[in-house]
Amino acid sequence: MATKSAPDSKRRSERSRRAIYDAALDLVSEVGYGKLTIEAIASRAGVGKQTIYRWWPSKGAVLLDAFLDLGEQAHQEASDNAGRDLAPTEIPDSGDLEADLKLVMRATIDEFRNPKYDAPWRALAAEGMLNSELGAEYVEKLLEPGLQMYVRRIEIAQEAGQVAADVDPRIALELWTGPLAQRWMQRTGPLTHEYADKLVEYALYGIAPR
């Protein structure tokens, strides 16, 4: 008699987790965060709601992990396309600070305009302002790694004499990331590569006549 192999619980759990991530991302785009529920995620994913509560305390926590996973998948795809493992939080150093910042800002604009990222990102940003626990995780896991890559690139530019030594990198990066985030969140104007370029130029060179 042939013996049946025992079910692989890890593989089953990973399939369930992946289905939950996909369901959360799809639903927040379809119905919005306000109408997103654990029950709806469980139904779409084909799992019991207790399975979700066993892993996450809230719908916000599910969505945050799903969004982080989406970013990891995009990074892996970019690494595969490049034929090498790209550092996830590193701005390329071409020696030209302006060009490097514009490159990353344009990529950020492209993500903001991508419907796959827009809805969950907006939901997490808004909920993070109301839910302090989720907000702290949002900053630590999603925002801070991106901010740190700007800090490191500015520090490299300081060492090369391209940025004044007394400039605080954390304040400096807000000159271009802050306006971009505000325009995206409040929809006060179009998100274009030209806009990203101008933010970098104004931040580096000011607005007084040269």
C-alpha atoms as a PDB file:
ATOM      1  CA  MET A   1       0.000   0.000   0.000  1.00  0.00           C
ATOM      2  CA  ALA A   2       1.368   3.424  -0.965  1.00  0.00           C
ATOM      3  CA  THR A   3       1.912   5.747   1.976  1.00  0.00           C
ATOM      4  CA  LYS A   4       0.530   9.250   1.801  1.00  0.00           C
ATOM      5  CA  SER A   5       2.948  12.043   2.541  1.00  0.00           C
ATOM      6  CA  ALA A   6       1.998  14.305   5.411  1.00  0.00           C
ATOM      7  CA  PRO A   7       0.563  17.690   4.359  1.00  0.00           C
ATOM      8  CA  ASP A   8       3.171  20.419   4.264  1.00  0.00           C
ATOM      9  CA  SER A   9       1.800  22.902   6.805  1.00  0.00           C
ATOM     10  CA  LYS A  10       4.431  25.529   5.988  1.00  0.00           C
ATOM     11  CA  ARG A  11       3.552  25.461   2.313  1.00  0.00           C
ATOM     12  CA  ARG A  12      -0.144  25.625   3.119  1.00  0.00           C
ATOM     13  CA  SER A  13       0.427  28.555   5.477  1.00  0.00           C
ATOM     14  CA  GLU A  14       2.443  30.386   2.830  1.00  0.00           C
ATOM     15  CA  ARG A  15      -0.325  29.856   0.252  1.00  0.00           C
ATOM     16  CA  SER A  16      -2.866  31.231   2.731  1.00  0.00           C
ATOM     17  CA  ARG A  17      -0.677  34.202   3.581  1.00  0.00           C
ATOM     18  CA  ARG A  18      -0.178  34.994  -0.099  1.00  0.00           C
ATOM     19  CA  ALA A  19      -3.921  34.748  -0.747  1.00  0.00           C
ATOM     20  CA  ILE A  20      -4.603  37.088   2.190  1.00  0.00           C
ATOM     21  CA  TYR A  21      -2.096  39.641   0.898  1.00  0.00           C
ATOM     22  CA  ASP A  22      -3.623  39.571  -2.578  1.00  0.00           C
ATOM     23  CA  ALA A  23      -7.143  39.857  -1.182  1.00  0.00           C
ATOM     24  CA  ALA A  24      -6.286  42.823   1.042  1.00  0.00           C
ATOM     25  CA  LEU A  25      -4.587  44.733  -1.776  1.00  0.00           C
ATOM     26  CA  ASP A  26      -7.364  44.015  -4.275  1.00  0.00           C
ATOM     27  CA  LEU A  27     -10.162  44.925  -1.885  1.00  0.00           C
ATOM     28  CA  VAL A  28      -8.684  48.194  -0.670  1.00  0.00           C
ATOM     29  CA  SER A  29      -8.475  49.285  -4.320  1.00  0.00           C
ATOM     30  CA  GLU A  30     -12.028  48.139  -5.028  1.00  0.00           C
ATOM     31  CA  VAL A  31     -13.939  49.339  -1.946  1.00  0.00           C
ATOM     32  CA  GLY A  32     -11.565  51.661  -0.076  1.00  0.00           C
ATOM     33  CA  TYR A  33     -10.093  51.293   3.382  1.00  0.00           C
ATOM     34  CA  GLY A  34     -13.257  52.369   5.192  1.00  0.00           C
ATOM     35  CA  LYS A  35     -15.240  49.436   3.822  1.00  0.00           C
ATOM     36  CA  LEU A  36     -12.371  46.957   4.046  1.00  0.00           C
ATOM     37  CA  THR A  37     -13.043  44.263   6.671  1.00  0.00           C
ATOM     38  CA  ILE A  38     -11.285  41.179   7.989  1.00  0.00           C
ATOM     39  CA  GLU A  39     -14.361  39.166   6.992  1.00  0.00           C
ATOM     40  CA  ALA A  40     -14.141  40.391   3.396  1.00  0.00           C
ATOM     41  CA  ILE A  41     -10.422  39.636   3.226  1.00  0.00           C
ATOM     42  CA  ALA A  42     -10.983  36.144   4.608  1.00  0.00           C
ATOM     43  CA  SER A  43     -13.807  35.452   2.170  1.00  0.00           C
ATOM     44  CA  ARG A  44     -11.813  36.666  -0.835  1.00  0.00           C
ATOM     45  CA  ALA A  45      -8.734  34.705   0.280  1.00  0.00           C
ATOM     46  CA  GLY A  46     -10.703  31.541   0.973  1.00  0.00           C
ATOM     47  CA  VAL A  47      -9.587  31.270   4.605  1.00  0.00           C
ATOM     48  CA  GLY A  48     -11.318  31.492   7.959  1.00  0.00           C
ATOM     49  CA  LYS A  49     -11.240  34.872   9.659  1.00  0.00           C
ATOM     50  CA  GLN A  50      -9.600  33.282  12.700  1.00  0.00           C
ATOM     51  CA  THR A  51      -6.649  32.438  10.468  1.00  0.00           C
ATOM     52  CA  ILE A  52      -6.170  36.151   9.867  1.00  0.00           C
ATOM     53  CA  TYR A  53      -6.598  37.096  13.516  1.00  0.00           C
ATOM     54  CA  ARG A  54      -4.028  34.468  14.449  1.00  0.00           C
ATOM     55  CA  TRP A  55      -1.414  36.374  12.408  1.00  0.00           C
ATOM     56  CA  TRP A  56      -2.583  40.007  12.530  1.00  0.00           C
ATOM     57  CA  PRO A  57      -4.460  42.137  15.071  1.00  0.00           C
ATOM     58  CA  SER A  58      -6.256  44.361  12.559  1.00  0.00           C
ATOM     59  CA  LYS A  59      -7.008  45.016   8.909  1.00  0.00           C
ATOM     60  CA  GLY A  60      -4.413  47.792   8.957  1.00  0.00           C
ATOM     61  CA  ALA A  61      -1.723  45.358  10.055  1.00  0.00           C
ATOM     62  CA  VAL A  62      -2.725  42.968   7.255  1.00  0.00           C
ATOM     63  CA  LEU A  63      -2.569  45.749   4.685  1.00  0.00           C
ATOM     64  CA  LEU A  64       0.812  46.993   5.899  1.00  0.00           C
ATOM     65  CA  ASP A  65       2.391  43.550   5.603  1.00  0.00           C
ATOM     66  CA  ALA A  66       0.753  43.041   2.215  1.00  0.00           C
ATOM     67  CA  PHE A  67       2.131  46.354   0.985  1.00  0.00           C
ATOM     68  CA  LEU A  68       5.620  45.630   2.303  1.00  0.00           C
ATOM     69  CA  ASP A  69       5.498  42.265   0.560  1.00  0.00           C
ATOM     70  CA  LEU A  70       4.461  44.010  -2.663  1.00  0.00           C
ATOM     71  CA  GLY A  71       7.547  46.197  -2.393  1.00  0.00           C
ATOM     72  CA  GLU A  72       9.785  43.179  -1.805  1.00  0.00           C
ATOM     73  CA  GLN A  73       8.369  41.507  -4.901  1.00  0.00           C
ATOM     74  CA  ALA A  74       9.020  44.644  -6.974  1.00  0.00           C
ATOM     75  CA  HIS A  75      12.588  44.817  -5.666  1.00  0.00           C
ATOM     76  CA  GLN A  76      13.185  41.168  -6.501  1.00  0.00           C
ATOM     77  CA  GLU A  77      11.821  41.708  -9.995  1.00  0.00           C
ATOM     78  CA  ALA A  78      14.108  44.710 -10.475  1.00  0.00           C
ATOM     79  CA  SER A  79      17.079  42.664  -9.264  1.00  0.00           C
ATOM     80  CA  ASP A  80      16.211  39.850 -11.661  1.00  0.00           C
ATOM     81  CA  ASN A  81      15.946  42.304 -14.546  1.00  0.00           C
ATOM     82  CA  ALA A  82      19.274  43.872 -13.612  1.00  0.00           C
ATOM     83  CA  GLY A  83      20.942  40.477 -13.311  1.00  0.00           C
ATOM     84  CA  ARG A  84      22.227  41.263  -9.817  1.00  0.00           C
ATOM     85  CA  ASP A  85      20.950  41.739  -6.302  1.00  0.00           C
ATOM     86  CA  LEU A  86      20.160  45.427  -5.905  1.00  0.00           C
ATOM     87  CA  ALA A  87      20.442  47.003  -2.490  1.00  0.00           C
ATOM     88  CA  PRO A  88      16.833  47.850  -1.511  1.00  0.00           C
ATOM     89  CA  THR A  89      17.651  51.113   0.270  1.00  0.00           C
ATOM     90  CA  GLU A  90      20.532  52.573  -1.673  1.00  0.00           C
ATOM     91  CA  ILE A  91      20.587  55.496  -4.079  1.00  0.00           C
ATOM     92  CA  PRO A  92      23.103  54.928  -6.878  1.00  0.00           C
ATOM     93  CA  ASP A  93      26.162  57.157  -6.574  1.00  0.00           C
ATOM     94  CA  SER A  94      27.080  58.395 -10.042  1.00  0.00           C
ATOM     95  CA  GLY A  95      29.038  61.295  -8.618  1.00  0.00           C
ATOM     96  CA  ASP A  96      26.255  63.675  -9.712  1.00  0.00           C
ATOM     97  CA  LEU A  97      23.983  64.314  -6.710  1.00  0.00           C
ATOM     98  CA  GLU A  98      21.363  66.173  -8.724  1.00  0.00           C
ATOM     99  CA  ALA A  99      21.035  63.386 -11.302  1.00  0.00           C
ATOM    100  CA  ASP A 100      20.883  60.692  -8.620  1.00  0.00           C
ATOM    101  CA  LEU A 101      18.157  62.461  -6.648  1.00  0.00           C
ATOM    102  CA  LYS A 102      16.129  63.091  -9.791  1.00  0.00           C
ATOM    103  CA  LEU A 103      16.389  59.410 -10.711  1.00  0.00           C
ATOM    104  CA  VAL A 104      14.926  58.291  -7.388  1.00  0.00           C
ATOM    105  CA  MET A 105      12.302  61.025  -7.254  1.00  0.00           C
ATOM    106  CA  ARG A 106      11.083  60.111 -10.725  1.00  0.00           C
ATOM    107  CA  ALA A 107      10.820  56.466  -9.647  1.00  0.00           C
ATOM    108  CA  THR A 108       8.793  57.585  -6.616  1.00  0.00           C
ATOM    109  CA  ILE A 109       6.466  59.562  -8.881  1.00  0.00           C
ATOM    110  CA  ASP A 110       5.960  56.439 -11.001  1.00  0.00           C
ATOM    111  CA  GLU A 111       5.008  54.431  -7.905  1.00  0.00           C
ATOM    112  CA  PHE A 112       2.591  57.102  -6.700  1.00  0.00           C
ATOM    113  CA  ARG A 113       0.878  57.081 -10.103  1.00  0.00           C
ATOM    114  CA  ASN A 114       0.643  53.288 -10.216  1.00  0.00           C
ATOM    115  CA  PRO A 115      -2.898  52.189  -9.139  1.00  0.00           C
ATOM    116  CA  LYS A 116      -1.407  49.025  -7.638  1.00  0.00           C
ATOM    117  CA  TYR A 117       0.443  51.123  -5.057  1.00  0.00           C
ATOM    118  CA  ASP A 118      -1.717  54.216  -4.763  1.00  0.00           C
ATOM    119  CA  ALA A 119      -4.787  52.910  -2.905  1.00  0.00           C
ATOM    120  CA  PRO A 120      -3.019  50.838  -0.225  1.00  0.00           C
ATOM    121  CA  TRP A 121      -0.373  53.516   0.281  1.00  0.00           C
ATOM    122  CA  ARG A 122      -2.991  56.224   0.801  1.00  0.00           C
ATOM    123  CA  ALA A 123      -4.950  53.989   3.160  1.00  0.00           C
ATOM    124  CA  LEU A 124      -1.897  53.254   5.291  1.00  0.00           C
ATOM    125  CA  ALA A 125      -0.787  56.888   5.368  1.00  0.00           C
ATOM    126  CA  ALA A 126      -4.251  58.053   6.464  1.00  0.00           C
ATOM    127  CA  GLU A 127      -4.846  55.277   9.001  1.00  0.00           C
ATOM    128  CA  GLY A 128      -1.358  55.743  10.410  1.00  0.00           C
ATOM    129  CA  MET A 129      -2.301  59.269  11.486  1.00  0.00           C
ATOM    130  CA  LEU A 130      -5.266  57.944  13.489  1.00  0.00           C
ATOM    131  CA  ASN A 131      -3.801  54.681  14.778  1.00  0.00           C
ATOM    132  CA  SER A 132      -0.583  55.440  16.650  1.00  0.00           C
ATOM    133  CA  GLU A 133       0.547  51.807  16.783  1.00  0.00           C
ATOM    134  CA  LEU A 134       0.052  51.261  13.063  1.00  0.00           C
ATOM    135  CA  GLY A 135       1.527  54.704  12.386  1.00  0.00           C
ATOM    136  CA  ALA A 136       4.722  53.801  14.223  1.00  0.00           C
ATOM    137  CA  GLU A 137       5.044  50.588  12.213  1.00  0.00           C
ATOM    138  CA  TYR A 138       4.295  52.460   8.986  1.00  0.00           C
ATOM    139  CA  VAL A 139       7.125  54.904   9.685  1.00  0.00           C
ATOM    140  CA  GLU A 140       9.586  52.263  10.875  1.00  0.00           C
ATOM    141  CA  LYS A 141       9.024  49.652   8.174  1.00  0.00           C
ATOM    142  CA  LEU A 142       7.939  51.680   5.160  1.00  0.00           C
ATOM    143  CA  LEU A 143       9.047  55.310   5.428  1.00  0.00           C
ATOM    144  CA  GLU A 144      12.280  55.168   7.404  1.00  0.00           C
ATOM    145  CA  PRO A 145      14.208  52.835   5.055  1.00  0.00           C
ATOM    146  CA  GLY A 146      13.475  55.221   2.178  1.00  0.00           C
ATOM    147  CA  LEU A 147      14.477  58.277   4.209  1.00  0.00           C
ATOM    148  CA  GLN A 148      17.699  56.621   5.288  1.00  0.00           C
ATOM    149  CA  MET A 149      18.756  56.098   1.680  1.00  0.00           C
ATOM    150  CA  TYR A 150      18.528  59.863   1.152  1.00  0.00           C
ATOM    151  CA  VAL A 151      20.507  60.468   4.344  1.00  0.00           C
ATOM    152  CA  ARG A 152      23.321  58.181   3.193  1.00  0.00           C
ATOM    153  CA  ARG A 153      23.429  59.754  -0.280  1.00  0.00           C
ATOM    154  CA  ILE A 154      23.612  63.279   1.194  1.00  0.00           C
ATOM    155  CA  GLU A 155      26.390  62.201   3.554  1.00  0.00           C
ATOM    156  CA  ILE A 156      28.349  60.823   0.592  1.00  0.00           C
ATOM    157  CA  ALA A 157      27.866  64.164  -1.179  1.00  0.00           C
ATOM    158  CA  GLN A 158      29.090  65.985   1.936  1.00  0.00           C
ATOM    159  CA  GLU A 159      32.235  63.860   1.990  1.00  0.00           C
ATOM    160  CA  ALA A 160      32.789  64.774  -1.671  1.00  0.00           C
ATOM    161  CA  GLY A 161      32.363  68.477  -0.922  1.00  0.00           C
ATOM    162  CA  GLN A 162      29.134  68.728  -2.944  1.00  0.00           C
ATOM    163  CA  VAL A 163      26.989  69.620   0.088  1.00  0.00           C
ATOM    164  CA  ALA A 164      27.934  71.926   2.954  1.00  0.00           C
ATOM    165  CA  ALA A 165      29.339  69.999   5.906  1.00  0.00           C
ATOM    166  CA  ASP A 166      26.965  71.634   8.409  1.00  0.00           C
ATOM    167  CA  VAL A 167      23.786  70.613   6.534  1.00  0.00           C
ATOM    168  CA  ASP A 168      21.535  68.238   8.461  1.00  0.00           C
ATOM    169  CA  PRO A 169      20.625  65.449   5.996  1.00  0.00           C
ATOM    170  CA  ARG A 170      17.311  64.754   7.736  1.00  0.00           C
ATOM    171  CA  ILE A 171      16.190  68.361   7.283  1.00  0.00           C
ATOM    172  CA  ALA A 172      17.608  68.593   3.769  1.00  0.00           C
ATOM    173  CA  LEU A 173      15.696  65.581   2.432  1.00  0.00           C
ATOM    174  CA  GLU A 174      12.419  67.135   3.587  1.00  0.00           C
ATOM    175  CA  LEU A 175      12.939  69.916   1.035  1.00  0.00           C
ATOM    176  CA  TRP A 176      12.019  67.535  -1.797  1.00  0.00           C
ATOM    177  CA  THR A 177      10.221  64.624  -0.141  1.00  0.00           C
ATOM    178  CA  GLY A 178       7.839  66.808   1.887  1.00  0.00           C
ATOM    179  CA  PRO A 179       6.314  68.748  -1.017  1.00  0.00           C
ATOM    180  CA  LEU A 180       6.004  65.568  -3.070  1.00  0.00           C
ATOM    181  CA  ALA A 181       4.156  63.760  -0.277  1.00  0.00           C
ATOM    182  CA  GLN A 182       1.836  66.728   0.256  1.00  0.00           C
ATOM    183  CA  ARG A 183       0.947  67.040  -3.435  1.00  0.00           C
ATOM    184  CA  TRP A 184       0.315  63.290  -3.638  1.00  0.00           C
ATOM    185  CA  MET A 185      -1.812  63.077  -0.482  1.00  0.00           C
ATOM    186  CA  GLN A 186      -3.874  66.208  -1.108  1.00  0.00           C
ATOM    187  CA  ARG A 187      -3.962  65.949  -4.916  1.00  0.00           C
ATOM    188  CA  THR A 188      -3.049  69.626  -5.254  1.00  0.00           C
ATOM    189  CA  GLY A 189      -1.369  69.230  -8.630  1.00  0.00           C
ATOM    190  CA  PRO A 190      -0.123  66.770 -11.234  1.00  0.00           C
ATOM    191  CA  LEU A 191       2.640  64.300 -10.391  1.00  0.00           C
ATOM    192  CA  THR A 192       5.133  64.460 -13.231  1.00  0.00           C
ATOM    193  CA  HIS A 193       8.824  63.835 -13.746  1.00  0.00           C
ATOM    194  CA  GLU A 194       9.222  67.538 -14.469  1.00  0.00           C
ATOM    195  CA  TYR A 195       7.742  68.347 -11.057  1.00  0.00           C
ATOM    196  CA  ALA A 196      10.143  65.916  -9.371  1.00  0.00           C
ATOM    197  CA  ASP A 197      13.078  67.524 -11.177  1.00  0.00           C
ATOM    198  CA  LYS A 198      12.046  71.007 -10.077  1.00  0.00           C
ATOM    199  CA  LEU A 199      11.790  69.926  -6.436  1.00  0.00           C
ATOM    200  CA  VAL A 200      15.354  68.649  -6.568  1.00  0.00           C
ATOM    201  CA  GLU A 201      16.623  71.766  -8.355  1.00  0.00           C
ATOM    202  CA  TYR A 202      14.906  74.179  -5.957  1.00  0.00           C
ATOM    203  CA  ALA A 203      16.172  72.206  -2.962  1.00  0.00           C
ATOM    204  CA  LEU A 204      19.777  72.155  -4.200  1.00  0.00           C
ATOM    205  CA  TYR A 205      19.993  75.657  -5.642  1.00  0.00           C
ATOM    206  CA  GLY A 206      17.235  77.706  -3.973  1.00  0.00           C
ATOM    207  CA  ILE A 207      14.848  80.102  -5.701  1.00  0.00           C
ATOM    208  CA  ALA A 208      16.927  83.289  -5.664  1.00  0.00           C
ATOM    209  CA  PRO A 209      18.462  84.438  -8.973  1.00  0.00           C
ATOM    210  CA  ARG A 210      21.735  82.639  -9.619  1.00  0.00           C
END
